[in-house]
Amino acid sequence: MAMLEIKDLYVNYGMIAALKGISFEVNEGEVIALIGANGAGKTTIIRHLCGIMRQDSGEVLVDGEPVRLTPIEYNILRLLMTHPGQVFSSAQIYEQVWNDPAYGSENTVAVHIRHLREKIEINPADPRYLKVVWGLGYKIDKGGL
């Protein structure tokens, strides 16, 4: 089963089709790149994956389940996934994602981590992807999503 799967994605801007039937999947351990000319739809795909915009049809799946992330949730997940195995404190996550000093940020980060787990984990109380390292912070194991 694919870690991330896009099925038959269509996005229109008025009468103009920005994406027509885009499908792809990313398996565990794979890295993909979106390559294309200006106006080819690369940014539109990313905006859809981040939850910034809605598609006209199609779906995004994690472990076979549809998922929608907020931009903050996406940025937290991206930070952790681009540094597998590395532990980030709540303050580090806050400073990287919000681009602000992390004064009293622990609860804010914890709430976003909880929401993210509810979306990507089968059992958020026993996470297999997004792990806590008690007293230190959060990480995604090197096996990744």
C-alpha atoms as a PDB file:
ATOM      1  CA  MET A   1       0.000   0.000   0.000  1.00  0.00           C
ATOM      2  CA  ALA A   2       1.305   3.476  -0.874  1.00  0.00           C
ATOM      3  CA  MET A   3       2.265   5.950   1.851  1.00  0.00           C
ATOM      4  CA  LEU A   4       0.694   8.801  -0.144  1.00  0.00           C
ATOM      5  CA  GLU A   5      -1.607   8.361  -3.099  1.00  0.00           C
ATOM      6  CA  ILE A   6      -3.216  10.892  -5.437  1.00  0.00           C
ATOM      7  CA  LYS A   7      -6.094   9.527  -7.517  1.00  0.00           C
ATOM      8  CA  ASP A   8      -7.520  11.252 -10.551  1.00  0.00           C
ATOM      9  CA  LEU A   9      -7.008  14.828  -9.313  1.00  0.00           C
ATOM     10  CA  TYR A  10      -8.818  17.590 -11.229  1.00  0.00           C
ATOM     11  CA  VAL A  11      -8.577  21.311 -10.426  1.00  0.00           C
ATOM     12  CA  ASN A  12     -10.188  24.070 -12.477  1.00  0.00           C
ATOM     13  CA  TYR A  13      -9.815  27.838 -12.321  1.00  0.00           C
ATOM     14  CA  GLY A  14     -13.129  28.877 -13.786  1.00  0.00           C
ATOM     15  CA  MET A  15     -13.223  27.384 -17.263  1.00  0.00           C
ATOM     16  CA  ILE A  16      -9.461  26.643 -17.292  1.00  0.00           C
ATOM     17  CA  ALA A  17      -8.348  23.136 -16.273  1.00  0.00           C
ATOM     18  CA  ALA A  18      -5.207  23.448 -14.132  1.00  0.00           C
ATOM     19  CA  LEU A  19      -4.932  19.716 -13.394  1.00  0.00           C
ATOM     20  CA  LYS A  20      -6.520  16.953 -15.447  1.00  0.00           C
ATOM     21  CA  GLY A  21      -6.650  13.472 -13.953  1.00  0.00           C
ATOM     22  CA  ILE A  22      -3.310  13.576 -12.092  1.00  0.00           C
ATOM     23  CA  SER A  23      -2.518  10.305 -10.304  1.00  0.00           C
ATOM     24  CA  PHE A  24       0.630   9.158  -8.521  1.00  0.00           C
ATOM     25  CA  GLU A  25       1.749   7.371  -5.399  1.00  0.00           C
ATOM     26  CA  VAL A  26       4.713   7.583  -3.071  1.00  0.00           C
ATOM     27  CA  ASN A  27       5.830   4.419  -1.325  1.00  0.00           C
ATOM     28  CA  GLU A  28       7.709   4.248   1.965  1.00  0.00           C
ATOM     29  CA  GLY A  29      11.293   5.415   1.538  1.00  0.00           C
ATOM     30  CA  GLU A  30      10.692   7.071  -1.844  1.00  0.00           C
ATOM     31  CA  VAL A  31      11.349  10.703  -2.664  1.00  0.00           C
ATOM     32  CA  ILE A  32       9.614  12.314  -5.616  1.00  0.00           C
ATOM     33  CA  ALA A  33      10.051  15.583  -7.458  1.00  0.00           C
ATOM     34  CA  LEU A  34       7.521  17.626  -9.404  1.00  0.00           C
ATOM     35  CA  ILE A  35       9.147  18.843 -12.588  1.00  0.00           C
ATOM     36  CA  GLY A  36       7.556  20.874 -15.336  1.00  0.00           C
ATOM     37  CA  ALA A  37       7.355  24.164 -17.152  1.00  0.00           C
ATOM     38  CA  ASN A  38       5.810  27.289 -15.650  1.00  0.00           C
ATOM     39  CA  GLY A  39       2.043  26.850 -15.543  1.00  0.00           C
ATOM     40  CA  ALA A  40       2.230  23.048 -15.612  1.00  0.00           C
ATOM     41  CA  GLY A  41       0.402  22.691 -12.260  1.00  0.00           C
ATOM     42  CA  LYS A  42       3.230  21.925  -9.820  1.00  0.00           C
ATOM     43  CA  THR A  43       2.204  24.627  -7.335  1.00  0.00           C
ATOM     44  CA  THR A  44      -1.456  23.674  -7.668  1.00  0.00           C
ATOM     45  CA  ILE A  45      -0.619  20.074  -6.665  1.00  0.00           C
ATOM     46  CA  ILE A  46       1.350  21.280  -3.619  1.00  0.00           C
ATOM     47  CA  ARG A  47      -1.411  23.693  -2.588  1.00  0.00           C
ATOM     48  CA  HIS A  48      -3.902  20.879  -2.772  1.00  0.00           C
ATOM     49  CA  LEU A  49      -1.711  18.531  -0.697  1.00  0.00           C
ATOM     50  CA  CYS A  50      -1.242  21.249   1.955  1.00  0.00           C
ATOM     51  CA  GLY A  51      -4.966  21.865   2.186  1.00  0.00           C
ATOM     52  CA  ILE A  52      -4.640  25.450   0.964  1.00  0.00           C
ATOM     53  CA  MET A  53      -7.044  24.794  -1.887  1.00  0.00           C
ATOM     54  CA  ARG A  54      -9.682  22.206  -2.675  1.00  0.00           C
ATOM     55  CA  GLN A  55      -9.704  20.009  -5.726  1.00  0.00           C
ATOM     56  CA  ASP A  56     -12.698  19.743  -8.029  1.00  0.00           C
ATOM     57  CA  SER A  57     -12.406  15.946  -7.906  1.00  0.00           C
ATOM     58  CA  GLY A  58      -9.898  13.287  -6.878  1.00  0.00           C
ATOM     59  CA  GLU A  59      -8.431  12.403  -3.475  1.00  0.00           C
ATOM     60  CA  VAL A  60      -5.255  12.198  -1.368  1.00  0.00           C
ATOM     61  CA  LEU A  61      -4.742   9.051   0.719  1.00  0.00           C
ATOM     62  CA  VAL A  62      -2.361   8.097   3.534  1.00  0.00           C
ATOM     63  CA  ASP A  63      -2.299   4.339   4.104  1.00  0.00           C
ATOM     64  CA  GLY A  64      -5.393   4.133   1.938  1.00  0.00           C
ATOM     65  CA  GLU A  65      -7.355   6.743   3.911  1.00  0.00           C
ATOM     66  CA  PRO A  66      -8.262  10.258   2.694  1.00  0.00           C
ATOM     67  CA  VAL A  67      -6.512  13.093   4.580  1.00  0.00           C
ATOM     68  CA  ARG A  68      -6.554  16.906   4.599  1.00  0.00           C
ATOM     69  CA  LEU A  69      -3.859  18.826   6.441  1.00  0.00           C
ATOM     70  CA  THR A  70      -3.875  22.475   7.433  1.00  0.00           C
ATOM     71  CA  PRO A  71      -0.834  24.476   6.296  1.00  0.00           C
ATOM     72  CA  ILE A  72       0.597  24.361   9.856  1.00  0.00           C
ATOM     73  CA  GLU A  73       0.099  20.593  10.094  1.00  0.00           C
ATOM     74  CA  TYR A  74       1.699  20.161   6.690  1.00  0.00           C
ATOM     75  CA  ASN A  75       4.718  22.270   7.682  1.00  0.00           C
ATOM     76  CA  ILE A  76       5.214  20.318  10.916  1.00  0.00           C
ATOM     77  CA  LEU A  77       5.000  17.035   9.022  1.00  0.00           C
ATOM     78  CA  ARG A  78       7.362  18.296   6.312  1.00  0.00           C
ATOM     79  CA  LEU A  79       9.911  19.430   8.931  1.00  0.00           C
ATOM     80  CA  LEU A  80       9.903  16.047  10.643  1.00  0.00           C
ATOM     81  CA  MET A  81       9.864  14.020   7.408  1.00  0.00           C
ATOM     82  CA  THR A  82      12.796  15.904   5.920  1.00  0.00           C
ATOM     83  CA  HIS A  83      14.846  15.040   9.037  1.00  0.00           C
ATOM     84  CA  PRO A  84      13.905  11.413   9.791  1.00  0.00           C
ATOM     85  CA  GLY A  85      15.081  10.192  13.178  1.00  0.00           C
ATOM     86  CA  GLN A  86      15.990  13.693  14.372  1.00  0.00           C
ATOM     87  CA  VAL A  87      14.248  14.861  17.541  1.00  0.00           C
ATOM     88  CA  PHE A  88      12.837  18.406  17.489  1.00  0.00           C
ATOM     89  CA  SER A  89      11.790  20.145  20.687  1.00  0.00           C
ATOM     90  CA  SER A  90       8.477  22.003  20.798  1.00  0.00           C
ATOM     91  CA  ALA A  91      10.431  25.270  20.703  1.00  0.00           C
ATOM     92  CA  GLN A  92      12.395  24.193  17.614  1.00  0.00           C
ATOM     93  CA  ILE A  93       9.218  23.130  15.830  1.00  0.00           C
ATOM     94  CA  TYR A  94       7.506  26.405  16.709  1.00  0.00           C
ATOM     95  CA  GLU A  95      10.427  28.539  15.531  1.00  0.00           C
ATOM     96  CA  GLN A  96      10.790  26.575  12.263  1.00  0.00           C
ATOM     97  CA  VAL A  97       7.077  26.439  11.397  1.00  0.00           C
ATOM     98  CA  TRP A  98       5.749  29.752  12.752  1.00  0.00           C
ATOM     99  CA  ASN A  99       8.973  31.748  12.179  1.00  0.00           C
ATOM    100  CA  ASP A 100       8.558  33.383  15.590  1.00  0.00           C
ATOM    101  CA  PRO A 101      10.345  33.060  18.940  1.00  0.00           C
ATOM    102  CA  ALA A 102       9.004  30.116  20.904  1.00  0.00           C
ATOM    103  CA  TYR A 103       7.877  31.799  24.118  1.00  0.00           C
ATOM    104  CA  GLY A 104       5.364  29.490  25.804  1.00  0.00           C
ATOM    105  CA  SER A 105       4.851  27.459  22.635  1.00  0.00           C
ATOM    106  CA  GLU A 106       4.691  23.934  24.088  1.00  0.00           C
ATOM    107  CA  ASN A 107       0.891  23.725  24.291  1.00  0.00           C
ATOM    108  CA  THR A 108       0.456  25.187  20.802  1.00  0.00           C
ATOM    109  CA  VAL A 109       2.788  22.615  19.272  1.00  0.00           C
ATOM    110  CA  ALA A 110       1.268  19.767  21.318  1.00  0.00           C
ATOM    111  CA  VAL A 111      -2.241  20.612  20.063  1.00  0.00           C
ATOM    112  CA  HIS A 112      -1.090  20.673  16.430  1.00  0.00           C
ATOM    113  CA  ILE A 113       0.810  17.396  16.893  1.00  0.00           C
ATOM    114  CA  ARG A 114      -2.361  15.844  18.368  1.00  0.00           C
ATOM    115  CA  HIS A 115      -4.450  17.031  15.404  1.00  0.00           C
ATOM    116  CA  LEU A 116      -1.810  15.780  12.973  1.00  0.00           C
ATOM    117  CA  ARG A 117      -1.758  12.363  14.654  1.00  0.00           C
ATOM    118  CA  GLU A 118      -5.547  12.178  14.457  1.00  0.00           C
ATOM    119  CA  LYS A 119      -5.236  12.581  10.692  1.00  0.00           C
ATOM    120  CA  ILE A 120      -2.241  10.370   9.858  1.00  0.00           C
ATOM    121  CA  GLU A 121      -2.225   7.648  12.520  1.00  0.00           C
ATOM    122  CA  ILE A 122      -4.488   4.612  12.597  1.00  0.00           C
ATOM    123  CA  ASN A 123      -4.366   4.734  16.411  1.00  0.00           C
ATOM    124  CA  PRO A 124      -3.276   8.229  17.546  1.00  0.00           C
ATOM    125  CA  ALA A 125      -2.870   6.973  21.146  1.00  0.00           C
ATOM    126  CA  ASP A 126      -0.261   4.463  19.918  1.00  0.00           C
ATOM    127  CA  PRO A 127       1.419   6.274  17.021  1.00  0.00           C
ATOM    128  CA  ARG A 128       3.551   4.369  14.545  1.00  0.00           C
ATOM    129  CA  TYR A 129       4.790   7.400  12.576  1.00  0.00           C
ATOM    130  CA  LEU A 130       4.855  10.578  14.676  1.00  0.00           C
ATOM    131  CA  LYS A 131       6.672   9.683  17.907  1.00  0.00           C
ATOM    132  CA  VAL A 132       7.267  11.591  21.120  1.00  0.00           C
ATOM    133  CA  VAL A 133      10.665  11.341  22.792  1.00  0.00           C
ATOM    134  CA  TRP A 134       9.689  12.094  26.386  1.00  0.00           C
ATOM    135  CA  GLY A 135      11.324  15.217  27.746  1.00  0.00           C
ATOM    136  CA  LEU A 136      12.948  16.033  24.402  1.00  0.00           C
ATOM    137  CA  GLY A 137      10.398  16.483  21.598  1.00  0.00           C
ATOM    138  CA  TYR A 138       9.002  14.803  18.514  1.00  0.00           C
ATOM    139  CA  LYS A 139      10.343  12.811  15.571  1.00  0.00           C
ATOM    140  CA  ILE A 140       9.405  10.594  12.670  1.00  0.00           C
ATOM    141  CA  ASP A 141      11.381   7.372  12.674  1.00  0.00           C
ATOM    142  CA  LYS A 142      13.805   6.766   9.823  1.00  0.00           C
ATOM    143  CA  GLY A 143      11.271   4.343   8.312  1.00  0.00           C
ATOM    144  CA  GLY A 144       9.033   7.394   7.825  1.00  0.00           C
ATOM    145  CA  LEU A 145       5.415   7.406   6.778  1.00  0.00           C
END
